[in-house]
Amino acid sequence: MISRFVVVPAVPTETVSSRNGMRVYCKTEPIGFNIYDNEKKLRSQATFLTREEAEAECQWLNLRPLQRVPSHRDTF
């Protein structure tokens, strides 16, 4: 089963561009990791500096729906 939330590398930001003849080179800077929602097909706006931080948030988000499901004992 595929998890709803997964960790993906963040989109790097363009910092400087330089020109060498006809070519233009863009230097980019990595900015960390994002969480991707497989259900809504969206990338979160939150950016995590390390993969470990993003993985911890991902686990919490993936477990959150399971915590809301009432058990059969709650109905009696």
PDB file of N, CA and C in Angstrom:
ATOM      1  N   MET A   1       0.828  -1.163   0.000  1.00  0.00           N
ATOM      2  CA  MET A   1       0.000   0.000   0.000  1.00  0.00           C
ATOM      3  C   MET A   1       0.890   1.251   0.000  1.00  0.00           C
ATOM      4  N   ILE A   2       0.543   2.226  -0.791  1.00  0.00           N
ATOM      5  CA  ILE A   2       1.292   3.463  -0.874  1.00  0.00           C
ATOM      6  C   ILE A   2       0.806   4.413   0.215  1.00  0.00           C
ATOM      7  N   SER A   3       1.753   5.009   0.923  1.00  0.00           N
ATOM      8  CA  SER A   3       1.403   5.982   1.956  1.00  0.00           C
ATOM      9  C   SER A   3       0.819   7.230   1.317  1.00  0.00           C
ATOM     10  N   ARG A   4      -0.084   7.870   2.040  1.00  0.00           N
ATOM     11  CA  ARG A   4      -0.672   9.100   1.508  1.00  0.00           C
ATOM     12  C   ARG A   4       0.378  10.206   1.437  1.00  0.00           C
ATOM     13  N   PHE A   5       1.181  10.359   2.489  1.00  0.00           N
ATOM     14  CA  PHE A   5       2.194  11.404   2.527  1.00  0.00           C
ATOM     15  C   PHE A   5       3.578  10.788   2.388  1.00  0.00           C
ATOM     16  N   VAL A   6       4.400  11.375   1.524  1.00  0.00           N
ATOM     17  CA  VAL A   6       5.769  10.912   1.323  1.00  0.00           C
ATOM     18  C   VAL A   6       6.711  12.116   1.285  1.00  0.00           C
ATOM     19  N   VAL A   7       7.994  11.867   1.554  1.00  0.00           N
ATOM     20  CA  VAL A   7       9.007  12.917   1.541  1.00  0.00           C
ATOM     21  C   VAL A   7       9.604  13.016   0.144  1.00  0.00           C
ATOM     22  N   VAL A   8       9.715  14.245  -0.355  1.00  0.00           N
ATOM     23  CA  VAL A   8      10.338  14.503  -1.660  1.00  0.00           C
ATOM     24  C   VAL A   8      11.339  15.641  -1.506  1.00  0.00           C
ATOM     25  N   PRO A   9      12.389  15.653  -2.332  1.00  0.00           N
ATOM     26  CA  PRO A   9      13.319  16.782  -2.286  1.00  0.00           C
ATOM     27  C   PRO A   9      12.596  18.066  -2.688  1.00  0.00           C
ATOM     28  N   ALA A  10      12.919  19.146  -2.005  1.00  0.00           N
ATOM     29  CA  ALA A  10      12.305  20.434  -2.318  1.00  0.00           C
ATOM     30  C   ALA A  10      12.834  20.941  -3.657  1.00  0.00           C
ATOM     31  N   VAL A  11      12.053  21.760  -4.310  1.00  0.00           N
ATOM     32  CA  VAL A  11      12.460  22.347  -5.580  1.00  0.00           C
ATOM     33  C   VAL A  11      13.554  23.374  -5.283  1.00  0.00           C
ATOM     34  N   PRO A  12      14.715  23.229  -5.925  1.00  0.00           N
ATOM     35  CA  PRO A  12      15.788  24.180  -5.647  1.00  0.00           C
ATOM     36  C   PRO A  12      15.437  25.582  -6.135  1.00  0.00           C
ATOM     37  N   THR A  13      15.969  26.570  -5.454  1.00  0.00           N
ATOM     38  CA  THR A  13      15.715  27.952  -5.843  1.00  0.00           C
ATOM     39  C   THR A  13      16.877  28.473  -6.667  1.00  0.00           C
ATOM     40  N   GLU A  14      16.554  29.301  -7.639  1.00  0.00           N
ATOM     41  CA  GLU A  14      17.584  29.888  -8.483  1.00  0.00           C
ATOM     42  C   GLU A  14      18.245  31.021  -7.715  1.00  0.00           C
ATOM     43  N   THR A  15      19.583  31.002  -7.659  1.00  0.00           N
ATOM     44  CA  THR A  15      20.286  32.026  -6.899  1.00  0.00           C
ATOM     45  C   THR A  15      21.004  33.019  -7.809  1.00  0.00           C
ATOM     46  N   VAL A  16      21.764  32.533  -8.766  1.00  0.00           N
ATOM     47  CA  VAL A  16      22.559  33.397  -9.640  1.00  0.00           C
ATOM     48  C   VAL A  16      22.554  32.794 -11.029  1.00  0.00           C
ATOM     49  N   SER A  17      22.531  33.634 -12.036  1.00  0.00           N
ATOM     50  CA  SER A  17      22.684  33.121 -13.393  1.00  0.00           C
ATOM     51  C   SER A  17      23.902  33.800 -14.020  1.00  0.00           C
ATOM     52  N   SER A  18      24.630  33.028 -14.796  1.00  0.00           N
ATOM     53  CA  SER A  18      25.801  33.576 -15.483  1.00  0.00           C
ATOM     54  C   SER A  18      25.717  33.212 -16.956  1.00  0.00           C
ATOM     55  N   ARG A  19      26.322  34.021 -17.765  1.00  0.00           N
ATOM     56  CA  ARG A  19      26.267  33.813 -19.201  1.00  0.00           C
ATOM     57  C   ARG A  19      27.663  33.469 -19.707  1.00  0.00           C
ATOM     58  N   ASN A  20      27.722  32.455 -20.559  1.00  0.00           N
ATOM     59  CA  ASN A  20      28.972  32.032 -21.160  1.00  0.00           C
ATOM     60  C   ASN A  20      28.708  31.914 -22.657  1.00  0.00           C
ATOM     61  N   GLY A  21      28.925  32.990 -23.400  1.00  0.00           N
ATOM     62  CA  GLY A  21      28.622  32.988 -24.831  1.00  0.00           C
ATOM     63  C   GLY A  21      27.125  32.961 -25.038  1.00  0.00           C
ATOM     64  N   MET A  22      26.622  31.942 -25.737  1.00  0.00           N
ATOM     65  CA  MET A  22      25.190  31.806 -26.024  1.00  0.00           C
ATOM     66  C   MET A  22      24.427  31.116 -24.886  1.00  0.00           C
ATOM     67  N   ARG A  23      25.139  30.435 -24.004  1.00  0.00           N
ATOM     68  CA  ARG A  23      24.484  29.666 -22.938  1.00  0.00           C
ATOM     69  C   ARG A  23      24.357  30.470 -21.658  1.00  0.00           C
ATOM     70  N   VAL A  24      23.280  30.230 -20.963  1.00  0.00           N
ATOM     71  CA  VAL A  24      23.057  30.839 -19.660  1.00  0.00           C
ATOM     72  C   VAL A  24      23.019  29.714 -18.632  1.00  0.00           C
ATOM     73  N   TYR A  25      23.829  29.840 -17.598  1.00  0.00           N
ATOM     74  CA  TYR A  25      23.892  28.834 -16.543  1.00  0.00           C
ATOM     75  C   TYR A  25      23.247  29.395 -15.286  1.00  0.00           C
ATOM     76  N   CYS A  26      22.349  28.639 -14.708  1.00  0.00           N
ATOM     77  CA  CYS A  26      21.685  29.044 -13.470  1.00  0.00           C
ATOM     78  C   CYS A  26      22.237  28.200 -12.331  1.00  0.00           C
ATOM     79  N   LYS A  27      22.724  28.860 -11.321  1.00  0.00           N
ATOM     80  CA  LYS A  27      23.172  28.154 -10.126  1.00  0.00           C
ATOM     81  C   LYS A  27      21.978  28.043  -9.200  1.00  0.00           C
ATOM     82  N   THR A  28      21.767  26.858  -8.686  1.00  0.00           N
ATOM     83  CA  THR A  28      20.636  26.642  -7.786  1.00  0.00           C
ATOM     84  C   THR A  28      21.145  26.215  -6.419  1.00  0.00           C
ATOM     85  N   GLU A  29      20.319  26.422  -5.447  1.00  0.00           N
ATOM     86  CA  GLU A  29      20.658  26.079  -4.076  1.00  0.00           C
ATOM     87  C   GLU A  29      19.578  25.160  -3.534  1.00  0.00           C
ATOM     88  N   PRO A  30      19.948  23.951  -3.071  1.00  0.00           N
ATOM     89  CA  PRO A  30      18.924  23.065  -2.509  1.00  0.00           C
ATOM     90  C   PRO A  30      18.377  23.660  -1.217  1.00  0.00           C
ATOM     91  N   ILE A  31      17.087  23.479  -1.003  1.00  0.00           N
ATOM     92  CA  ILE A  31      16.477  24.090   0.175  1.00  0.00           C
ATOM     93  C   ILE A  31      15.895  23.071   1.137  1.00  0.00           C
ATOM     94  N   GLY A  32      16.104  21.807   0.945  1.00  0.00           N
ATOM     95  CA  GLY A  32      15.627  20.806   1.898  1.00  0.00           C
ATOM     96  C   GLY A  32      14.638  19.822   1.309  1.00  0.00           C
ATOM     97  N   PHE A  33      13.586  19.548   2.090  1.00  0.00           N
ATOM     98  CA  PHE A  33      12.618  18.519   1.729  1.00  0.00           C
ATOM     99  C   PHE A  33      11.194  19.013   1.966  1.00  0.00           C
ATOM    100  N   ASN A  34      10.284  18.533   1.127  1.00  0.00           N
ATOM    101  CA  ASN A  34       8.857  18.819   1.269  1.00  0.00           C
ATOM    102  C   ASN A  34       8.119  17.513   1.504  1.00  0.00           C
ATOM    103  N   ILE A  35       6.850  17.629   1.868  1.00  0.00           N
ATOM    104  CA  ILE A  35       5.978  16.467   1.988  1.00  0.00           C
ATOM    105  C   ILE A  35       4.976  16.532   0.846  1.00  0.00           C
ATOM    106  N   TYR A  36       4.836  15.418   0.149  1.00  0.00           N
ATOM    107  CA  TYR A  36       3.927  15.327  -0.993  1.00  0.00           C
ATOM    108  C   TYR A  36       2.710  14.515  -0.600  1.00  0.00           C
ATOM    109  N   ASP A  37       1.526  15.029  -0.901  1.00  0.00           N
ATOM    110  CA  ASP A  37       0.254  14.365  -0.614  1.00  0.00           C
ATOM    111  C   ASP A  37      -0.162  13.589  -1.862  1.00  0.00           C
ATOM    112  N   ASN A  38      -0.082  12.261  -1.807  1.00  0.00           N
ATOM    113  CA  ASN A  38      -0.436  11.421  -2.954  1.00  0.00           C
ATOM    114  C   ASN A  38      -1.920  11.465  -3.289  1.00  0.00           C
ATOM    115  N   GLU A  39      -2.764  11.776  -2.310  1.00  0.00           N
ATOM    116  CA  GLU A  39      -4.206  11.811  -2.550  1.00  0.00           C
ATOM    117  C   GLU A  39      -4.608  13.090  -3.292  1.00  0.00           C
ATOM    118  N   LYS A  40      -4.123  14.224  -2.818  1.00  0.00           N
ATOM    119  CA  LYS A  40      -4.476  15.501  -3.435  1.00  0.00           C
ATOM    120  C   LYS A  40      -3.511  15.908  -4.548  1.00  0.00           C
ATOM    121  N   LYS A  41      -2.415  15.162  -4.689  1.00  0.00           N
ATOM    122  CA  LYS A  41      -1.393  15.443  -5.704  1.00  0.00           C
ATOM    123  C   LYS A  41      -0.812  16.854  -5.539  1.00  0.00           C
ATOM    124  N   LEU A  42      -0.482  17.196  -4.297  1.00  0.00           N
ATOM    125  CA  LEU A  42       0.066  18.511  -3.981  1.00  0.00           C
ATOM    126  C   LEU A  42       1.312  18.386  -3.114  1.00  0.00           C
ATOM    127  N   ARG A  43       2.199  19.341  -3.276  1.00  0.00           N
ATOM    128  CA  ARG A  43       3.393  19.462  -2.459  1.00  0.00           C
ATOM    129  C   ARG A  43       3.095  20.433  -1.319  1.00  0.00           C
ATOM    130  N   SER A  44       3.510  20.118  -0.105  1.00  0.00           N
ATOM    131  CA  SER A  44       3.251  21.022   1.019  1.00  0.00           C
ATOM    132  C   SER A  44       4.120  22.267   0.914  1.00  0.00           C
ATOM    133  N   GLN A  45       3.665  23.335   1.533  1.00  0.00           N
ATOM    134  CA  GLN A  45       4.431  24.578   1.551  1.00  0.00           C
ATOM    135  C   GLN A  45       5.535  24.528   2.598  1.00  0.00           C
ATOM    136  N   ALA A  46       5.398  23.655   3.578  1.00  0.00           N
ATOM    137  CA  ALA A  46       6.404  23.538   4.633  1.00  0.00           C
ATOM    138  C   ALA A  46       7.675  22.910   4.071  1.00  0.00           C
ATOM    139  N   THR A  47       8.808  23.471   4.443  1.00  0.00           N
ATOM    140  CA  THR A  47      10.103  22.950   4.007  1.00  0.00           C
ATOM    141  C   THR A  47      10.895  22.526   5.236  1.00  0.00           C
ATOM    142  N   PHE A  48      11.452  21.331   5.185  1.00  0.00           N
ATOM    143  CA  PHE A  48      12.245  20.783   6.288  1.00  0.00           C
ATOM    144  C   PHE A  48      13.706  20.745   5.856  1.00  0.00           C
ATOM    145  N   LEU A  49      14.602  21.125   6.758  1.00  0.00           N
ATOM    146  CA  LEU A  49      16.026  21.178   6.424  1.00  0.00           C
ATOM    147  C   LEU A  49      16.648  19.799   6.286  1.00  0.00           C
ATOM    148  N   THR A  50      16.180  18.833   7.083  1.00  0.00           N
ATOM    149  CA  THR A  50      16.738  17.482   7.011  1.00  0.00           C
ATOM    150  C   THR A  50      15.647  16.479   6.654  1.00  0.00           C
ATOM    151  N   ARG A  51      16.087  15.381   6.070  1.00  0.00           N
ATOM    152  CA  ARG A  51      15.150  14.320   5.705  1.00  0.00           C
ATOM    153  C   ARG A  51      14.512  13.709   6.959  1.00  0.00           C
ATOM    154  N   GLU A  52      15.273  13.628   8.053  1.00  0.00           N
ATOM    155  CA  GLU A  52      14.763  13.033   9.288  1.00  0.00           C
ATOM    156  C   GLU A  52      13.564  13.829   9.825  1.00  0.00           C
ATOM    157  N   GLU A  53      13.660  15.155   9.790  1.00  0.00           N
ATOM    158  CA  GLU A  53      12.537  15.985  10.235  1.00  0.00           C
ATOM    159  C   GLU A  53      11.307  15.753   9.360  1.00  0.00           C
ATOM    160  N   ALA A  54      11.526  15.691   8.064  1.00  0.00           N
ATOM    161  CA  ALA A  54      10.421  15.469   7.132  1.00  0.00           C
ATOM    162  C   ALA A  54       9.810  14.082   7.322  1.00  0.00           C
ATOM    163  N   GLU A  55      10.650  13.067   7.547  1.00  0.00           N
ATOM    164  CA  GLU A  55      10.147  11.706   7.765  1.00  0.00           C
ATOM    165  C   GLU A  55       9.301  11.630   9.033  1.00  0.00           C
ATOM    166  N   ALA A  56       9.725  12.313  10.090  1.00  0.00           N
ATOM    167  CA  ALA A  56       8.961  12.307  11.343  1.00  0.00           C
ATOM    168  C   ALA A  56       7.588  12.945  11.132  1.00  0.00           C
ATOM    169  N   GLU A  57       7.535  14.061  10.434  1.00  0.00           N
ATOM    170  CA  GLU A  57       6.258  14.718  10.144  1.00  0.00           C
ATOM    171  C   GLU A  57       5.379  13.834   9.257  1.00  0.00           C
ATOM    172  N   CYS A  58       6.005  13.168   8.304  1.00  0.00           N
ATOM    173  CA  CYS A  58       5.290  12.259   7.394  1.00  0.00           C
ATOM    174  C   CYS A  58       4.641  11.109   8.175  1.00  0.00           C
ATOM    175  N   GLN A  59       5.384  10.520   9.081  1.00  0.00           N
ATOM    176  CA  GLN A  59       4.835   9.429   9.887  1.00  0.00           C
ATOM    177  C   GLN A  59       3.646   9.911  10.698  1.00  0.00           C
ATOM    178  N   TRP A  60       3.759  11.107  11.291  1.00  0.00           N
ATOM    179  CA  TRP A  60       2.661  11.656  12.081  1.00  0.00           C
ATOM    180  C   TRP A  60       1.432  11.888  11.205  1.00  0.00           C
ATOM    181  N   LEU A  61       1.637  12.438  10.009  1.00  0.00           N
ATOM    182  CA  LEU A  61       0.518  12.698   9.103  1.00  0.00           C
ATOM    183  C   LEU A  61      -0.130  11.408   8.618  1.00  0.00           C
ATOM    184  N   ASN A  62       0.671  10.382   8.364  1.00  0.00           N
ATOM    185  CA  ASN A  62       0.129   9.111   7.895  1.00  0.00           C
ATOM    186  C   ASN A  62      -0.619   8.365   8.995  1.00  0.00           C
ATOM    187  N   LEU A  63      -0.237   8.556  10.262  1.00  0.00           N
ATOM    188  CA  LEU A  63      -0.903   7.875  11.373  1.00  0.00           C
ATOM    189  C   LEU A  63      -2.122   8.630  11.879  1.00  0.00           C
ATOM    190  N   ARG A  64      -2.200   9.910  11.613  1.00  0.00           N
ATOM    191  CA  ARG A  64      -3.283  10.750  12.127  1.00  0.00           C
ATOM    192  C   ARG A  64      -4.679  10.230  11.774  1.00  0.00           C
ATOM    193  N   PRO A  65      -4.969   9.825  10.535  1.00  0.00           N
ATOM    194  CA  PRO A  65      -6.323   9.308  10.241  1.00  0.00           C
ATOM    195  C   PRO A  65      -6.656   8.038  11.025  1.00  0.00           C
ATOM    196  N   LEU A  66      -5.654   7.214  11.335  1.00  0.00           N
ATOM    197  CA  LEU A  66      -5.898   5.981  12.079  1.00  0.00           C
ATOM    198  C   LEU A  66      -6.294   6.279  13.520  1.00  0.00           C
ATOM    199  N   GLN A  67      -5.823   7.387  14.059  1.00  0.00           N
ATOM    200  CA  GLN A  67      -6.132   7.732  15.441  1.00  0.00           C
ATOM    201  C   GLN A  67      -7.562   8.251  15.586  1.00  0.00           C
ATOM    202  N   ARG A  68      -8.164   8.737  14.506  1.00  0.00           N
ATOM    203  CA  ARG A  68      -9.521   9.278  14.570  1.00  0.00           C
ATOM    204  C   ARG A  68     -10.604   8.218  14.450  1.00  0.00           C
ATOM    205  N   VAL A  69     -10.260   7.027  14.006  1.00  0.00           N
ATOM    206  CA  VAL A  69     -11.244   5.971  13.811  1.00  0.00           C
ATOM    207  C   VAL A  69     -11.667   5.436  15.177  1.00  0.00           C
ATOM    208  N   PRO A  70     -12.941   5.500  15.509  1.00  0.00           N
ATOM    209  CA  PRO A  70     -13.389   4.984  16.809  1.00  0.00           C
ATOM    210  C   PRO A  70     -13.337   3.459  16.818  1.00  0.00           C
ATOM    211  N   SER A  71     -12.986   2.917  17.944  1.00  0.00           N
ATOM    212  CA  SER A  71     -12.960   1.460  18.044  1.00  0.00           C
ATOM    213  C   SER A  71     -14.370   0.950  18.312  1.00  0.00           C
ATOM    214  N   HIS A  72     -14.580  -0.334  18.177  1.00  0.00           N
ATOM    215  CA  HIS A  72     -15.918  -0.901  18.404  1.00  0.00           C
ATOM    216  C   HIS A  72     -16.320  -0.783  19.869  1.00  0.00           C
ATOM    217  N   ARG A  73     -15.356  -0.617  20.770  1.00  0.00           N
ATOM    218  CA  ARG A  73     -15.662  -0.456  22.191  1.00  0.00           C
ATOM    219  C   ARG A  73     -16.292   0.916  22.471  1.00  0.00           C
ATOM    220  N   ASP A  74     -15.945   1.919  21.665  1.00  0.00           N
ATOM    221  CA  ASP A  74     -16.479   3.268  21.878  1.00  0.00           C
ATOM    222  C   ASP A  74     -17.962   3.365  21.538  1.00  0.00           C
ATOM    223  N   THR A  75     -18.485   2.442  20.776  1.00  0.00           N
ATOM    224  CA  THR A  75     -19.870   2.525  20.354  1.00  0.00           C
ATOM    225  C   THR A  75     -20.832   1.960  21.384  1.00  0.00           C
ATOM    226  N   PHE A  76     -20.349   1.248  22.382  1.00  0.00           N
ATOM    227  CA  PHE A  76     -21.236   0.639  23.384  1.00  0.00           C
ATOM    228  C   PHE A  76     -21.412   1.507  24.597  1.00  0.00           C
TER     229      PHE A  76
END
